[in-house]
Amino acid sequence: MTGELICAIGDIHGEAGRLDALHAAIFDHHRLLYPEARLTLVHLGDYVDRGPDSCGVIETLMKLEGRDDLTSICLKGNHEEMMLDALIAGETDGMWMRSGGAETMASYHRRDFPEVPKGHRNWLKSLPVHHILEDRKLLFVHAGIAPGRWPELDEQVALWTRARRFFDVTQWDNPALEGWTVVHGHTPTGDFCQDVQGDPPRRINIDTGAVYGGKLTAALFGPGGGGAPVFLHA
């Protein structure tokens, strides 16, 4: 089957080993079920902080972008935003360090980097906050959107929102959102399982708390389009 297999991956937070395992499961799924389809990976942000190897996660994601056999898209999360702000300000004891930045810097020191390399900083600065597929009515974002203002997109909402109106799809009364599915992370699910709201799905949360004892989750949207996604975990 030709077309595009789209795989969204939730919050990683330094779990480099789990990211490698989830990528391997995705590659197997692609090879076995959709070998002729183009594979697109959409990573939803929060690559750093709290977990053991944020440096390794960033290196893995940067290498993926150089591959010709797939497309890898990496969105910015609020933890990347905090990291950049702290690095620019030269902070050593601010909000970022208290939110997992200490573990991130430790991961660089273990790899003999005295500081975050310039290439990593430039990569973080380049990250977009949304990925939109108009033809399939799929919107990928780290935290969420303001439903009443769609298709207007606000960067701070995309990085930080936990608004009740966003989480309750019954309140999405904006006709412009009809038929759209928003895939996001940012807010760990209470039971460490993906949260799918609506039938067909309107909002899908795949932050399943990988760094808190849950799993790293991917939502796979097959080349045919339509229907609920398949979920893989590591």
Protein backbone atom coordinates (compact mmCIF):
# COMPACT_ATOMS: atom_id res chain seq x y z
CA MET A 1 0.00 0.00 0.00
CA THR A 2 1.37 3.39 -0.96
CA GLY A 3 0.69 6.63 0.87
CA GLU A 4 2.01 7.73 4.25
CA LEU A 5 2.19 5.97 7.60
CA ILE A 6 2.21 8.71 10.23
CA CYS A 7 3.52 7.91 13.71
CA ALA A 8 3.24 10.39 16.57
CA ILE A 9 5.45 9.83 19.63
CA GLY A 10 4.67 11.25 23.06
CA ASP A 11 6.81 12.87 25.75
CA ILE A 12 10.24 11.20 26.00
CA HIS A 13 11.93 13.11 28.87
CA GLY A 14 15.39 11.63 28.50
CA GLU A 15 14.26 8.01 28.11
CA ALA A 16 16.70 7.27 25.29
CA GLY A 17 16.50 3.48 25.65
CA ARG A 18 12.74 3.48 25.42
CA LEU A 19 12.88 5.78 22.40
CA ASP A 20 15.19 3.33 20.61
CA ALA A 21 12.85 0.45 21.48
CA LEU A 22 9.76 2.33 20.29
CA HIS A 23 11.43 3.35 17.04
CA ALA A 24 12.35 -0.32 16.47
CA ALA A 25 8.72 -1.37 17.03
CA ILE A 26 7.53 1.30 14.61
CA PHE A 27 10.05 0.25 11.96
CA ASP A 28 8.91 -3.38 12.29
CA HIS A 29 5.25 -2.36 11.99
CA HIS A 30 6.06 -0.33 8.89
CA ARG A 31 8.10 -3.11 7.29
CA LEU A 32 5.53 -5.83 7.95
CA LEU A 33 2.27 -3.99 7.22
CA TYR A 34 3.03 -0.99 5.01
CA PRO A 35 6.38 -1.57 3.28
CA GLU A 36 5.49 0.64 0.31
CA ALA A 37 4.18 3.56 2.36
CA ARG A 38 6.32 6.55 3.27
CA LEU A 39 7.05 6.60 7.01
CA THR A 40 6.69 9.91 8.85
CA LEU A 41 7.60 10.24 12.52
CA VAL A 42 6.20 13.19 14.47
CA HIS A 43 7.81 13.63 17.88
CA LEU A 44 5.61 15.80 20.08
CA GLY A 45 8.22 17.51 22.25
CA ASP A 46 9.61 17.25 25.79
CA TYR A 47 12.71 15.32 24.77
CA VAL A 48 14.72 16.53 27.76
CA ASP A 49 14.64 16.71 31.58
CA ARG A 50 13.97 14.30 34.43
CA GLY A 51 15.08 11.11 32.65
CA PRO A 52 18.56 9.60 32.41
CA ASP A 53 19.81 10.55 28.91
CA SER A 54 18.40 13.75 27.42
CA CYS A 55 21.63 14.28 25.47
CA GLY A 56 21.25 10.86 23.88
CA VAL A 57 17.63 11.56 22.94
CA ILE A 58 18.58 14.76 21.14
CA GLU A 59 21.43 13.04 19.30
CA THR A 60 19.08 10.26 18.17
CA LEU A 61 16.48 12.72 16.90
CA MET A 62 19.04 14.84 15.08
CA LYS A 63 20.42 11.75 13.31
CA LEU A 64 16.92 10.68 12.23
CA GLU A 65 16.47 13.96 10.36
CA GLY A 66 19.36 13.00 8.10
CA ARG A 67 17.79 9.76 6.89
CA ASP A 68 16.41 9.49 3.35
CA ASP A 69 14.13 6.51 3.99
CA LEU A 70 11.76 8.35 6.33
CA THR A 71 10.63 11.80 7.40
CA SER A 72 11.25 12.84 11.00
CA ILE A 73 9.53 15.92 12.40
CA CYS A 74 10.34 17.16 15.90
CA LEU A 75 8.08 19.67 17.62
CA LYS A 76 9.11 21.92 20.49
CA GLY A 77 7.79 21.20 23.97
CA ASN A 78 7.68 23.44 27.00
CA HIS A 79 10.78 21.74 28.43
CA GLU A 80 12.78 22.63 25.32
CA GLU A 81 11.50 26.19 25.71
CA MET A 82 12.61 26.30 29.36
CA MET A 83 15.97 24.81 28.45
CA LEU A 84 16.64 27.40 25.75
CA ASP A 85 15.57 30.27 27.98
CA ALA A 86 17.87 29.07 30.77
CA LEU A 87 20.84 28.56 28.46
CA ILE A 88 20.43 32.01 26.92
CA ALA A 89 20.16 33.62 30.36
CA GLY A 90 23.01 31.56 31.79
CA GLU A 91 20.84 30.41 34.69
CA THR A 92 22.21 27.71 36.95
CA ASP A 93 19.48 27.62 39.60
CA GLY A 94 16.24 28.68 37.92
CA MET A 95 12.94 27.03 36.99
CA TRP A 96 14.50 24.80 34.34
CA MET A 97 17.07 23.31 36.71
CA ARG A 98 14.32 22.60 39.24
CA SER A 99 12.13 21.03 36.51
CA GLY A 100 14.60 18.40 35.39
CA GLY A 101 17.35 20.53 33.90
CA ALA A 102 19.86 19.24 36.43
CA GLU A 103 19.38 15.73 35.09
CA THR A 104 19.71 17.02 31.53
CA MET A 105 23.04 18.72 32.26
CA ALA A 106 24.25 15.57 34.03
CA SER A 107 23.54 13.59 30.84
CA TYR A 108 25.79 15.96 28.87
CA HIS A 109 28.55 15.76 31.47
CA ARG A 110 28.45 11.94 31.33
CA ARG A 111 29.14 12.22 27.60
CA ASP A 112 32.07 14.59 28.28
CA PHE A 113 30.25 17.72 27.14
CA PRO A 114 30.99 20.53 29.63
CA GLU A 115 27.98 22.40 28.22
CA VAL A 116 25.20 21.91 25.69
CA PRO A 117 26.88 21.91 22.24
CA LYS A 118 26.09 24.71 19.84
CA GLY A 119 24.66 22.23 17.34
CA HIS A 120 22.14 21.01 19.90
CA ARG A 121 21.19 24.57 20.83
CA ASN A 122 20.65 25.53 17.20
CA TRP A 123 18.55 22.42 16.63
CA LEU A 124 16.36 23.23 19.64
CA LYS A 125 15.89 26.79 18.38
CA SER A 126 14.76 25.51 14.98
CA LEU A 127 11.90 23.33 16.27
CA PRO A 128 8.35 24.22 15.14
CA VAL A 129 5.38 24.06 17.53
CA HIS A 130 2.78 22.54 15.18
CA HIS A 131 2.56 20.00 12.37
CA ILE A 132 -0.64 20.17 10.33
CA LEU A 133 -1.88 17.72 7.68
CA GLU A 134 -4.78 19.51 6.03
CA ASP A 135 -5.70 16.61 3.72
CA ARG A 136 -6.13 14.21 6.66
CA LYS A 137 -7.33 16.81 9.19
CA LEU A 138 -4.61 15.88 11.65
CA LEU A 139 -2.99 18.44 13.94
CA PHE A 140 0.07 17.52 16.00
CA VAL A 141 1.11 19.78 18.87
CA HIS A 142 2.88 19.42 22.21
CA ALA A 143 0.25 20.64 24.69
CA GLY A 144 -2.89 21.58 22.75
CA ILE A 145 -4.83 24.42 21.16
CA ALA A 146 -7.51 26.95 22.03
CA PRO A 147 -10.50 25.25 20.33
CA GLY A 148 -12.57 28.40 20.01
CA ARG A 149 -9.80 30.21 18.14
CA TRP A 150 -8.89 27.48 15.62
CA PRO A 151 -7.43 27.81 12.98
CA GLU A 152 -5.55 30.54 14.83
CA LEU A 153 -2.52 29.00 16.55
CA ASP A 154 -0.78 30.51 19.56
CA GLU A 155 2.74 29.34 20.40
CA GLN A 156 2.39 29.64 24.18
CA VAL A 157 -0.91 27.73 24.11
CA ALA A 158 0.77 25.06 21.98
CA LEU A 159 3.54 24.66 24.55
CA TRP A 160 1.71 25.02 27.85
CA THR A 161 -2.10 24.68 27.77
CA ARG A 162 -4.02 22.45 30.14
CA ALA A 163 -7.28 24.32 29.68
CA ARG A 164 -10.44 22.40 30.60
CA ARG A 165 -12.13 23.44 27.39
CA PHE A 166 -9.39 21.81 25.36
CA PHE A 167 -9.60 18.53 27.28
CA ASP A 168 -13.42 18.36 27.05
CA VAL A 169 -14.17 17.79 23.38
CA THR A 170 -17.91 18.20 24.04
CA GLN A 171 -17.12 21.90 24.39
CA TRP A 172 -15.54 22.13 20.96
CA ASP A 173 -18.31 24.16 19.36
CA ASN A 174 -16.12 25.76 16.69
CA PRO A 175 -17.37 24.55 13.27
CA ALA A 176 -13.87 24.97 11.85
CA LEU A 177 -12.68 22.07 14.05
CA GLU A 178 -15.27 19.64 12.69
CA GLY A 179 -13.57 16.46 11.49
CA TRP A 180 -10.16 17.35 12.93
CA THR A 181 -8.11 15.20 15.30
CA VAL A 182 -5.64 16.88 17.66
CA VAL A 183 -2.76 14.65 18.80
CA HIS A 184 -0.79 15.94 21.78
CA GLY A 185 1.19 15.15 24.91
CA HIS A 186 2.34 17.42 27.79
CA THR A 187 -0.17 16.24 30.41
CA PRO A 188 0.61 12.72 31.69
CA THR A 189 -2.48 10.51 31.71
CA GLY A 190 -3.59 9.35 35.14
CA ASP A 191 -3.54 5.65 34.27
CA PHE A 192 -0.48 5.75 31.96
CA CYS A 193 -2.71 4.75 29.01
CA GLN A 194 -3.41 6.85 25.94
CA ASP A 195 -6.46 9.09 26.26
CA VAL A 196 -8.75 9.03 23.20
CA GLN A 197 -11.72 11.39 23.28
CA GLY A 198 -14.52 11.31 20.71
CA ASP A 199 -15.73 8.78 18.15
CA PRO A 200 -14.18 9.22 15.65
CA PRO A 201 -11.27 10.54 17.74
CA ARG A 202 -11.12 14.31 18.20
CA ARG A 203 -8.37 14.55 20.83
CA ILE A 204 -5.66 11.97 21.53
CA ASN A 205 -3.21 12.37 24.41
CA ILE A 206 -0.16 10.12 24.15
CA ASP A 207 1.84 11.41 27.13
CA THR A 208 1.64 8.17 29.08
CA GLY A 209 4.21 9.10 31.71
CA ALA A 210 7.30 7.31 30.42
CA VAL A 211 9.53 9.07 32.95
CA TYR A 212 7.10 8.47 35.83
CA GLY A 213 6.83 4.70 35.58
CA GLY A 214 4.50 4.54 32.58
CA LYS A 215 5.38 3.73 28.97
CA LEU A 216 6.48 5.66 25.91
CA THR A 217 3.59 5.64 23.43
CA ALA A 218 3.20 6.08 19.68
CA ALA A 219 -0.04 6.60 17.76
CA LEU A 220 0.09 5.21 14.21
CA PHE A 221 -2.22 6.50 11.50
CA GLY A 222 -2.30 4.14 8.53
CA PRO A 223 -1.95 5.17 4.89
CA GLY A 224 -5.66 4.68 4.18
CA GLY A 225 -6.72 7.45 6.56
CA GLY A 226 -9.81 7.46 8.74
CA GLY A 227 -10.58 5.41 11.81
CA ALA A 228 -8.78 5.17 15.12
CA PRO A 229 -5.00 4.85 15.22
CA VAL A 230 -3.01 1.83 16.36
CA PHE A 231 -0.91 2.32 19.50
CA LEU A 232 2.55 0.95 20.21
CA HIS A 233 4.40 1.16 23.53
CA ALA A 234 7.91 0.76 24.92
